[in-house]
Amino acid sequence: DLALAFQPPSDLTTGRPVGAEARARWRGPLGQPVPPDQFIEIATRCGLMHQLTRWVLNSSLREFSRVWAQGHAVDLSVNVSPVDLHETDFPDMVEHALETWSVDADRVTLEITETAPVRETRQVLAILERLRGIGVRLSIDDFGTGHSSLALLRQLPVNELKIDQQFVRGMRESKASLDIVRTTLDLSRNFGLSTVAEGIEDPETRAALRELGGQSGQGWCIARPVPMDQLLDWRQAKTARPVSPDAARTQPRG
């Protein structure tokens, strides 16, 4: 069975939640969780990634439409497969989903992997421009692991870079990882892009990112992926009082 979990990034300075990323979860016939990498590989091999993206987009928009109607102003991020960016009808699917669930486009960010625009660049850029025309925000996920050039990055109509977790997790032990994180943060500032550092697993890494000028971060140190109602409880606990990013945390588990 497919289900959704939501993982929020938070502001590295204040600790405040800043949106939530939808993550698909799949349980096998015996109820055992199937790792995301495995079922995404299966969906890709079977040609079902476009259908999976459609399900995640519509299911998460339905959830967010419900909580927005209850007065919870939460922004949504949804991962997009490189396969989707080679489907000419993908922008139409996104626009139809937004209209179906009455969600403002500027409250939604679509995350694309860094490698996606490299192949068939002209076609992918055209689709990204159409998506921006709809009004959604665009983010480059797993930044630093692909092969995009600075010239290509200048062409991409994106708002955000997400620094890959392998560099964030290694930045305190590896000078190379630290240099990649620092360079990415500098690059984003020069291009006028926001940043999210993924894979923050301890307060020391979060503090180091803050000292480097990182804006927001995501990882188990901040909050794990959980169902929507648990996410709302966590957000309420975070926003009900002044938050110190290094204070003891009340974070969702799951």
C-alpha atoms as a PDB file:
ATOM      1  CA  ASP A   1       0.000   0.000   0.000  1.00  0.00           C
ATOM      2  CA  LEU A   2       1.180   3.496  -0.825  1.00  0.00           C
ATOM      3  CA  ALA A   3       1.057   6.208   1.819  1.00  0.00           C
ATOM      4  CA  LEU A   4       2.490   9.675   2.349  1.00  0.00           C
ATOM      5  CA  ALA A   5       4.824  11.024   4.987  1.00  0.00           C
ATOM      6  CA  PHE A   6       5.932  14.641   5.318  1.00  0.00           C
ATOM      7  CA  GLN A   7       9.344  15.909   6.421  1.00  0.00           C
ATOM      8  CA  PRO A   8       9.755  19.604   7.259  1.00  0.00           C
ATOM      9  CA  PRO A   9      12.888  21.683   6.876  1.00  0.00           C
ATOM     10  CA  SER A  10      13.415  24.425   9.437  1.00  0.00           C
ATOM     11  CA  ASP A  11      15.075  27.820   9.497  1.00  0.00           C
ATOM     12  CA  LEU A  12      18.652  27.300  10.713  1.00  0.00           C
ATOM     13  CA  THR A  13      18.650  30.589  12.646  1.00  0.00           C
ATOM     14  CA  THR A  14      15.263  30.477  14.379  1.00  0.00           C
ATOM     15  CA  GLY A  15      14.405  26.767  14.252  1.00  0.00           C
ATOM     16  CA  ARG A  16      10.996  27.609  12.809  1.00  0.00           C
ATOM     17  CA  PRO A  17       9.395  25.131  10.357  1.00  0.00           C
ATOM     18  CA  VAL A  18       9.464  26.231   6.713  1.00  0.00           C
ATOM     19  CA  GLY A  19       7.123  23.985   4.754  1.00  0.00           C
ATOM     20  CA  ALA A  20       7.155  20.209   4.328  1.00  0.00           C
ATOM     21  CA  GLU A  21       8.354  17.746   1.713  1.00  0.00           C
ATOM     22  CA  ALA A  22       6.025  14.928   0.657  1.00  0.00           C
ATOM     23  CA  ARG A  23       7.612  11.480   0.646  1.00  0.00           C
ATOM     24  CA  ALA A  24       5.991   8.322  -0.706  1.00  0.00           C
ATOM     25  CA  ARG A  25       6.017   5.222   1.498  1.00  0.00           C
ATOM     26  CA  TRP A  26       5.189   1.690   0.353  1.00  0.00           C
ATOM     27  CA  ARG A  27       4.450  -1.391   2.446  1.00  0.00           C
ATOM     28  CA  GLY A  28       4.764  -4.860   0.933  1.00  0.00           C
ATOM     29  CA  PRO A  29       2.201  -7.696   1.051  1.00  0.00           C
ATOM     30  CA  LEU A  30       3.175  -8.620   4.632  1.00  0.00           C
ATOM     31  CA  GLY A  31       3.114  -5.020   5.834  1.00  0.00           C
ATOM     32  CA  GLN A  32       6.878  -4.621   5.721  1.00  0.00           C
ATOM     33  CA  PRO A  33       8.215  -1.194   4.651  1.00  0.00           C
ATOM     34  CA  VAL A  34       9.945  -1.183   1.262  1.00  0.00           C
ATOM     35  CA  PRO A  35      12.898   1.249   1.110  1.00  0.00           C
ATOM     36  CA  PRO A  36      12.125   4.219  -1.187  1.00  0.00           C
ATOM     37  CA  ASP A  37      15.130   3.542  -3.412  1.00  0.00           C
ATOM     38  CA  GLN A  38      13.827   0.042  -4.091  1.00  0.00           C
ATOM     39  CA  PHE A  39      10.252   0.877  -5.011  1.00  0.00           C
ATOM     40  CA  ILE A  40      11.323   3.907  -7.057  1.00  0.00           C
ATOM     41  CA  GLU A  41      13.694   1.643  -8.980  1.00  0.00           C
ATOM     42  CA  ILE A  42      10.839  -0.818  -9.517  1.00  0.00           C
ATOM     43  CA  ALA A  43       8.497   1.946 -10.684  1.00  0.00           C
ATOM     44  CA  THR A  44      11.158   3.270 -13.076  1.00  0.00           C
ATOM     45  CA  ARG A  45      11.875  -0.175 -14.487  1.00  0.00           C
ATOM     46  CA  CYS A  46       8.161  -0.842 -15.000  1.00  0.00           C
ATOM     47  CA  GLY A  47       7.536   2.547 -16.612  1.00  0.00           C
ATOM     48  CA  LEU A  48       5.309   3.706 -13.733  1.00  0.00           C
ATOM     49  CA  MET A  49       7.186   6.786 -12.496  1.00  0.00           C
ATOM     50  CA  HIS A  50       4.845   9.240 -14.203  1.00  0.00           C
ATOM     51  CA  GLN A  51       1.869   7.546 -12.531  1.00  0.00           C
ATOM     52  CA  LEU A  52       3.667   7.559  -9.169  1.00  0.00           C
ATOM     53  CA  THR A  53       4.372  11.287  -9.454  1.00  0.00           C
ATOM     54  CA  ARG A  54       0.725  11.912 -10.344  1.00  0.00           C
ATOM     55  CA  TRP A  55      -0.398   9.984  -7.249  1.00  0.00           C
ATOM     56  CA  VAL A  56       2.040  11.741  -4.900  1.00  0.00           C
ATOM     57  CA  LEU A  57       1.185  15.186  -6.293  1.00  0.00           C
ATOM     58  CA  ASN A  58      -2.579  14.757  -6.066  1.00  0.00           C
ATOM     59  CA  SER A  59      -2.512  12.971  -2.698  1.00  0.00           C
ATOM     60  CA  SER A  60      -0.255  15.570  -1.090  1.00  0.00           C
ATOM     61  CA  LEU A  61      -2.229  18.487  -2.557  1.00  0.00           C
ATOM     62  CA  ARG A  62      -5.416  16.925  -1.182  1.00  0.00           C
ATOM     63  CA  GLU A  63      -3.828  16.724   2.283  1.00  0.00           C
ATOM     64  CA  PHE A  64      -2.523  20.273   2.137  1.00  0.00           C
ATOM     65  CA  SER A  65      -5.853  21.593   0.885  1.00  0.00           C
ATOM     66  CA  ARG A  66      -7.436  20.036   3.972  1.00  0.00           C
ATOM     67  CA  VAL A  67      -4.979  21.538   6.454  1.00  0.00           C
ATOM     68  CA  TRP A  68      -4.978  24.946   4.761  1.00  0.00           C
ATOM     69  CA  ALA A  69      -8.768  24.981   5.126  1.00  0.00           C
ATOM     70  CA  GLN A  70      -8.177  24.431   8.857  1.00  0.00           C
ATOM     71  CA  GLY A  71      -5.935  27.490   9.014  1.00  0.00           C
ATOM     72  CA  HIS A  72      -2.509  25.836   8.836  1.00  0.00           C
ATOM     73  CA  ALA A  73      -0.353  27.793   6.381  1.00  0.00           C
ATOM     74  CA  VAL A  74       2.126  25.149   5.242  1.00  0.00           C
ATOM     75  CA  ASP A  75       4.053  25.184   1.976  1.00  0.00           C
ATOM     76  CA  LEU A  76       4.500  21.919   0.089  1.00  0.00           C
ATOM     77  CA  SER A  77       7.456  20.363  -1.752  1.00  0.00           C
ATOM     78  CA  VAL A  78       7.057  17.385  -4.100  1.00  0.00           C
ATOM     79  CA  ASN A  79       9.804  15.395  -5.792  1.00  0.00           C
ATOM     80  CA  VAL A  80       9.666  15.133  -9.571  1.00  0.00           C
ATOM     81  CA  SER A  81      11.247  12.285 -11.510  1.00  0.00           C
ATOM     82  CA  PRO A  82      13.512  13.047 -14.498  1.00  0.00           C
ATOM     83  CA  VAL A  83      10.998  10.945 -16.445  1.00  0.00           C
ATOM     84  CA  ASP A  84       8.320  13.567 -15.779  1.00  0.00           C
ATOM     85  CA  LEU A  85      10.417  16.293 -17.377  1.00  0.00           C
ATOM     86  CA  HIS A  86      10.360  14.405 -20.667  1.00  0.00           C
ATOM     87  CA  GLU A  87       6.552  14.178 -20.696  1.00  0.00           C
ATOM     88  CA  THR A  88       5.122  17.108 -22.625  1.00  0.00           C
ATOM     89  CA  ASP A  89       1.841  16.905 -20.717  1.00  0.00           C
ATOM     90  CA  PHE A  90       3.486  17.134 -17.296  1.00  0.00           C
ATOM     91  CA  PRO A  91       2.877  20.907 -16.821  1.00  0.00           C
ATOM     92  CA  ASP A  92      -0.789  20.336 -17.751  1.00  0.00           C
ATOM     93  CA  MET A  93      -0.993  17.587 -15.122  1.00  0.00           C
ATOM     94  CA  VAL A  94       0.455  19.918 -12.476  1.00  0.00           C
ATOM     95  CA  GLU A  95      -1.896  22.753 -13.390  1.00  0.00           C
ATOM     96  CA  HIS A  96      -4.927  20.420 -13.350  1.00  0.00           C
ATOM     97  CA  ALA A  97      -3.946  19.069  -9.903  1.00  0.00           C
ATOM     98  CA  LEU A  98      -3.593  22.601  -8.489  1.00  0.00           C
ATOM     99  CA  GLU A  99      -7.003  23.537  -9.842  1.00  0.00           C
ATOM    100  CA  THR A 100      -8.604  20.304  -8.601  1.00  0.00           C
ATOM    101  CA  TRP A 101      -7.493  20.878  -5.004  1.00  0.00           C
ATOM    102  CA  SER A 102      -7.726  24.697  -5.088  1.00  0.00           C
ATOM    103  CA  VAL A 103      -4.092  25.192  -4.095  1.00  0.00           C
ATOM    104  CA  ASP A 104      -2.167  28.359  -4.919  1.00  0.00           C
ATOM    105  CA  ALA A 105       0.737  27.528  -7.223  1.00  0.00           C
ATOM    106  CA  ASP A 106       3.208  29.715  -5.328  1.00  0.00           C
ATOM    107  CA  ARG A 107       2.758  27.559  -2.206  1.00  0.00           C
ATOM    108  CA  VAL A 108       4.159  24.511  -4.061  1.00  0.00           C
ATOM    109  CA  THR A 109       7.778  23.659  -4.893  1.00  0.00           C
ATOM    110  CA  LEU A 110       8.684  20.932  -7.374  1.00  0.00           C
ATOM    111  CA  GLU A 111      12.065  19.339  -6.665  1.00  0.00           C
ATOM    112  CA  ILE A 112      14.036  18.046  -9.636  1.00  0.00           C
ATOM    113  CA  THR A 113      17.289  16.090  -9.466  1.00  0.00           C
ATOM    114  CA  GLU A 114      20.376  17.888 -10.731  1.00  0.00           C
ATOM    115  CA  THR A 115      20.943  15.326 -13.494  1.00  0.00           C
ATOM    116  CA  ALA A 116      17.465  15.784 -15.005  1.00  0.00           C
ATOM    117  CA  PRO A 117      18.132  18.895 -17.154  1.00  0.00           C
ATOM    118  CA  VAL A 118      21.428  17.562 -18.547  1.00  0.00           C
ATOM    119  CA  ARG A 119      19.832  15.158 -21.041  1.00  0.00           C
ATOM    120  CA  GLU A 120      17.764  16.750 -23.837  1.00  0.00           C
ATOM    121  CA  THR A 121      18.377  20.147 -22.261  1.00  0.00           C
ATOM    122  CA  ARG A 122      16.265  22.214 -24.657  1.00  0.00           C
ATOM    123  CA  GLN A 123      13.141  20.085 -24.138  1.00  0.00           C
ATOM    124  CA  VAL A 124      13.550  20.013 -20.364  1.00  0.00           C
ATOM    125  CA  LEU A 125      14.141  23.773 -20.171  1.00  0.00           C
ATOM    126  CA  ALA A 126      10.937  24.346 -22.135  1.00  0.00           C
ATOM    127  CA  ILE A 127       8.973  22.229 -19.645  1.00  0.00           C
ATOM    128  CA  LEU A 128      10.583  23.993 -16.675  1.00  0.00           C
ATOM    129  CA  GLU A 129       9.664  27.373 -18.176  1.00  0.00           C
ATOM    130  CA  ARG A 130       6.056  26.210 -18.555  1.00  0.00           C
ATOM    131  CA  LEU A 131       6.031  25.096 -14.918  1.00  0.00           C
ATOM    132  CA  ARG A 132       7.366  28.467 -13.792  1.00  0.00           C
ATOM    133  CA  GLY A 133       4.682  30.080 -15.923  1.00  0.00           C
ATOM    134  CA  ILE A 134       2.070  28.206 -13.892  1.00  0.00           C
ATOM    135  CA  GLY A 135       3.554  29.813 -10.792  1.00  0.00           C
ATOM    136  CA  VAL A 136       5.109  26.900  -8.918  1.00  0.00           C
ATOM    137  CA  ARG A 137       8.583  27.196  -7.408  1.00  0.00           C
ATOM    138  CA  LEU A 138      11.375  24.966  -8.708  1.00  0.00           C
ATOM    139  CA  SER A 139      14.212  23.438  -6.717  1.00  0.00           C
ATOM    140  CA  ILE A 140      17.301  21.459  -7.753  1.00  0.00           C
ATOM    141  CA  ASP A 141      17.495  18.414  -5.490  1.00  0.00           C
ATOM    142  CA  ASP A 142      20.702  16.529  -4.583  1.00  0.00           C
ATOM    143  CA  PHE A 143      22.777  19.468  -5.794  1.00  0.00           C
ATOM    144  CA  GLY A 144      26.464  18.632  -6.134  1.00  0.00           C
ATOM    145  CA  THR A 145      26.009  15.054  -7.314  1.00  0.00           C
ATOM    146  CA  GLY A 146      25.204  15.777 -10.963  1.00  0.00           C
ATOM    147  CA  HIS A 147      27.056  17.349 -13.841  1.00  0.00           C
ATOM    148  CA  SER A 148      25.335  20.681 -14.398  1.00  0.00           C
ATOM    149  CA  SER A 149      27.635  23.489 -15.470  1.00  0.00           C
ATOM    150  CA  LEU A 150      27.456  27.081 -14.294  1.00  0.00           C
ATOM    151  CA  ALA A 151      26.219  28.028 -17.750  1.00  0.00           C
ATOM    152  CA  LEU A 152      23.348  25.544 -17.460  1.00  0.00           C
ATOM    153  CA  LEU A 153      22.567  26.642 -13.918  1.00  0.00           C
ATOM    154  CA  ARG A 154      22.189  30.211 -15.161  1.00  0.00           C
ATOM    155  CA  GLN A 155      19.617  29.014 -17.700  1.00  0.00           C
ATOM    156  CA  LEU A 156      17.507  27.001 -15.280  1.00  0.00           C
ATOM    157  CA  PRO A 157      14.437  28.894 -14.025  1.00  0.00           C
ATOM    158  CA  VAL A 158      14.885  27.640 -10.452  1.00  0.00           C
ATOM    159  CA  ASN A 159      14.403  29.253  -7.043  1.00  0.00           C
ATOM    160  CA  GLU A 160      16.310  26.913  -4.752  1.00  0.00           C
ATOM    161  CA  LEU A 161      19.249  24.534  -4.379  1.00  0.00           C
ATOM    162  CA  LYS A 162      19.096  21.537  -2.030  1.00  0.00           C
ATOM    163  CA  ILE A 163      22.592  20.505  -0.942  1.00  0.00           C
ATOM    164  CA  ASP A 164      22.972  16.730  -1.147  1.00  0.00           C
ATOM    165  CA  GLN A 165      23.063  14.927   2.180  1.00  0.00           C
ATOM    166  CA  GLN A 166      26.330  13.109   1.495  1.00  0.00           C
ATOM    167  CA  PHE A 167      28.202  16.432   1.615  1.00  0.00           C
ATOM    168  CA  VAL A 168      26.282  17.743   4.628  1.00  0.00           C
ATOM    169  CA  ARG A 169      26.883  14.555   6.618  1.00  0.00           C
ATOM    170  CA  GLY A 170      30.555  14.564   5.746  1.00  0.00           C
ATOM    171  CA  MET A 171      31.340  18.252   6.184  1.00  0.00           C
ATOM    172  CA  ARG A 172      32.677  17.943   9.747  1.00  0.00           C
ATOM    173  CA  GLU A 173      35.123  15.153   8.847  1.00  0.00           C
ATOM    174  CA  SER A 174      35.968  15.948   5.230  1.00  0.00           C
ATOM    175  CA  LYS A 175      37.455  19.231   4.036  1.00  0.00           C
ATOM    176  CA  ALA A 176      36.330  18.363   0.498  1.00  0.00           C
ATOM    177  CA  SER A 177      32.693  18.020   1.642  1.00  0.00           C
ATOM    178  CA  LEU A 178      32.959  21.208   3.673  1.00  0.00           C
ATOM    179  CA  ASP A 179      34.336  23.077   0.661  1.00  0.00           C
ATOM    180  CA  ILE A 180      31.481  21.791  -1.526  1.00  0.00           C
ATOM    181  CA  VAL A 181      28.885  22.955   1.013  1.00  0.00           C
ATOM    182  CA  ARG A 182      30.557  26.354   1.413  1.00  0.00           C
ATOM    183  CA  THR A 183      30.891  26.811  -2.354  1.00  0.00           C
ATOM    184  CA  THR A 184      27.256  25.850  -2.930  1.00  0.00           C
ATOM    185  CA  LEU A 185      26.077  28.369  -0.339  1.00  0.00           C
ATOM    186  CA  ASP A 186      28.225  31.088  -1.936  1.00  0.00           C
ATOM    187  CA  LEU A 187      26.976  30.099  -5.390  1.00  0.00           C
ATOM    188  CA  SER A 188      23.341  30.273  -4.309  1.00  0.00           C
ATOM    189  CA  ARG A 189      23.828  33.747  -2.866  1.00  0.00           C
ATOM    190  CA  ASN A 190      25.462  34.932  -6.085  1.00  0.00           C
ATOM    191  CA  PHE A 191      22.588  33.536  -8.145  1.00  0.00           C
ATOM    192  CA  GLY A 192      19.911  34.836  -5.779  1.00  0.00           C
ATOM    193  CA  LEU A 193      18.717  31.346  -4.837  1.00  0.00           C
ATOM    194  CA  SER A 194      17.545  30.000  -1.503  1.00  0.00           C
ATOM    195  CA  THR A 195      19.154  26.851  -0.057  1.00  0.00           C
ATOM    196  CA  VAL A 196      18.183  23.783   1.940  1.00  0.00           C
ATOM    197  CA  ALA A 197      20.870  21.545   3.442  1.00  0.00           C
ATOM    198  CA  GLU A 198      19.743  17.912   3.556  1.00  0.00           C
ATOM    199  CA  GLY A 199      20.890  15.165   5.894  1.00  0.00           C
ATOM    200  CA  ILE A 200      21.410  17.146   9.120  1.00  0.00           C
ATOM    201  CA  GLU A 201      21.790  14.460  11.787  1.00  0.00           C
ATOM    202  CA  ASP A 202      23.316  16.305  14.749  1.00  0.00           C
ATOM    203  CA  PRO A 203      23.248  19.775  16.347  1.00  0.00           C
ATOM    204  CA  GLU A 204      26.928  20.343  15.557  1.00  0.00           C
ATOM    205  CA  THR A 205      26.334  20.048  11.812  1.00  0.00           C
ATOM    206  CA  ARG A 206      23.352  22.362  12.063  1.00  0.00           C
ATOM    207  CA  ALA A 207      25.452  24.939  13.935  1.00  0.00           C
ATOM    208  CA  ALA A 208      28.258  24.672  11.359  1.00  0.00           C
ATOM    209  CA  LEU A 209      25.797  25.260   8.519  1.00  0.00           C
ATOM    210  CA  ARG A 210      24.384  28.275  10.308  1.00  0.00           C
ATOM    211  CA  GLU A 211      27.885  29.735  10.687  1.00  0.00           C
ATOM    212  CA  LEU A 212      28.431  29.274   6.935  1.00  0.00           C
ATOM    213  CA  GLY A 213      25.283  31.271   6.220  1.00  0.00           C
ATOM    214  CA  GLY A 214      22.944  28.362   5.472  1.00  0.00           C
ATOM    215  CA  GLN A 215      19.292  29.377   5.396  1.00  0.00           C
ATOM    216  CA  SER A 216      17.337  26.210   6.141  1.00  0.00           C
ATOM    217  CA  GLY A 217      18.000  22.540   6.746  1.00  0.00           C
ATOM    218  CA  GLN A 218      16.347  19.174   6.763  1.00  0.00           C
ATOM    219  CA  GLY A 219      17.180  15.854   8.407  1.00  0.00           C
ATOM    220  CA  TRP A 220      16.504  13.543  11.319  1.00  0.00           C
ATOM    221  CA  CYS A 221      18.063  16.006  13.758  1.00  0.00           C
ATOM    222  CA  ILE A 222      15.234  18.369  12.866  1.00  0.00           C
ATOM    223  CA  ALA A 223      12.294  16.061  12.153  1.00  0.00           C
ATOM    224  CA  ARG A 224      11.655  12.654  10.626  1.00  0.00           C
ATOM    225  CA  PRO A 225       9.044  11.999   7.920  1.00  0.00           C
ATOM    226  CA  VAL A 226       5.648  11.487   9.592  1.00  0.00           C
ATOM    227  CA  PRO A 227       1.931  11.488   8.678  1.00  0.00           C
ATOM    228  CA  MET A 228       0.286  14.875   8.294  1.00  0.00           C
ATOM    229  CA  ASP A 229      -1.459  15.022  11.676  1.00  0.00           C
ATOM    230  CA  GLN A 230       1.815  14.337  13.502  1.00  0.00           C
ATOM    231  CA  LEU A 231       3.495  17.001  11.416  1.00  0.00           C
ATOM    232  CA  LEU A 232       0.865  19.545  12.469  1.00  0.00           C
ATOM    233  CA  ASP A 233       1.360  18.650  16.150  1.00  0.00           C
ATOM    234  CA  TRP A 234       5.124  19.140  15.757  1.00  0.00           C
ATOM    235  CA  ARG A 235       4.663  22.476  13.964  1.00  0.00           C
ATOM    236  CA  GLN A 236       2.320  23.689  16.678  1.00  0.00           C
ATOM    237  CA  ALA A 237       4.857  22.789  19.376  1.00  0.00           C
ATOM    238  CA  LYS A 238       7.590  24.607  17.444  1.00  0.00           C
ATOM    239  CA  THR A 239       5.630  27.790  16.802  1.00  0.00           C
ATOM    240  CA  ALA A 240       3.877  28.047  20.160  1.00  0.00           C
ATOM    241  CA  ARG A 241       6.999  29.383  21.867  1.00  0.00           C
ATOM    242  CA  PRO A 242      10.291  31.113  20.969  1.00  0.00           C
ATOM    243  CA  VAL A 243      12.580  28.546  19.416  1.00  0.00           C
ATOM    244  CA  SER A 244      16.312  28.137  19.843  1.00  0.00           C
ATOM    245  CA  PRO A 245      17.741  25.884  17.124  1.00  0.00           C
ATOM    246  CA  ASP A 246      20.064  24.282  19.690  1.00  0.00           C
ATOM    247  CA  ALA A 247      17.421  23.798  22.375  1.00  0.00           C
ATOM    248  CA  ALA A 248      15.926  20.441  23.252  1.00  0.00           C
ATOM    249  CA  ARG A 249      13.570  19.363  20.488  1.00  0.00           C
ATOM    250  CA  THR A 250      10.070  17.973  20.386  1.00  0.00           C
ATOM    251  CA  GLN A 251      10.235  16.234  17.035  1.00  0.00           C
ATOM    252  CA  PRO A 252       7.930  13.772  15.325  1.00  0.00           C
ATOM    253  CA  ARG A 253       8.933  10.133  15.244  1.00  0.00           C
ATOM    254  CA  GLY A 254       8.031   7.594  12.637  1.00  0.00           C
END
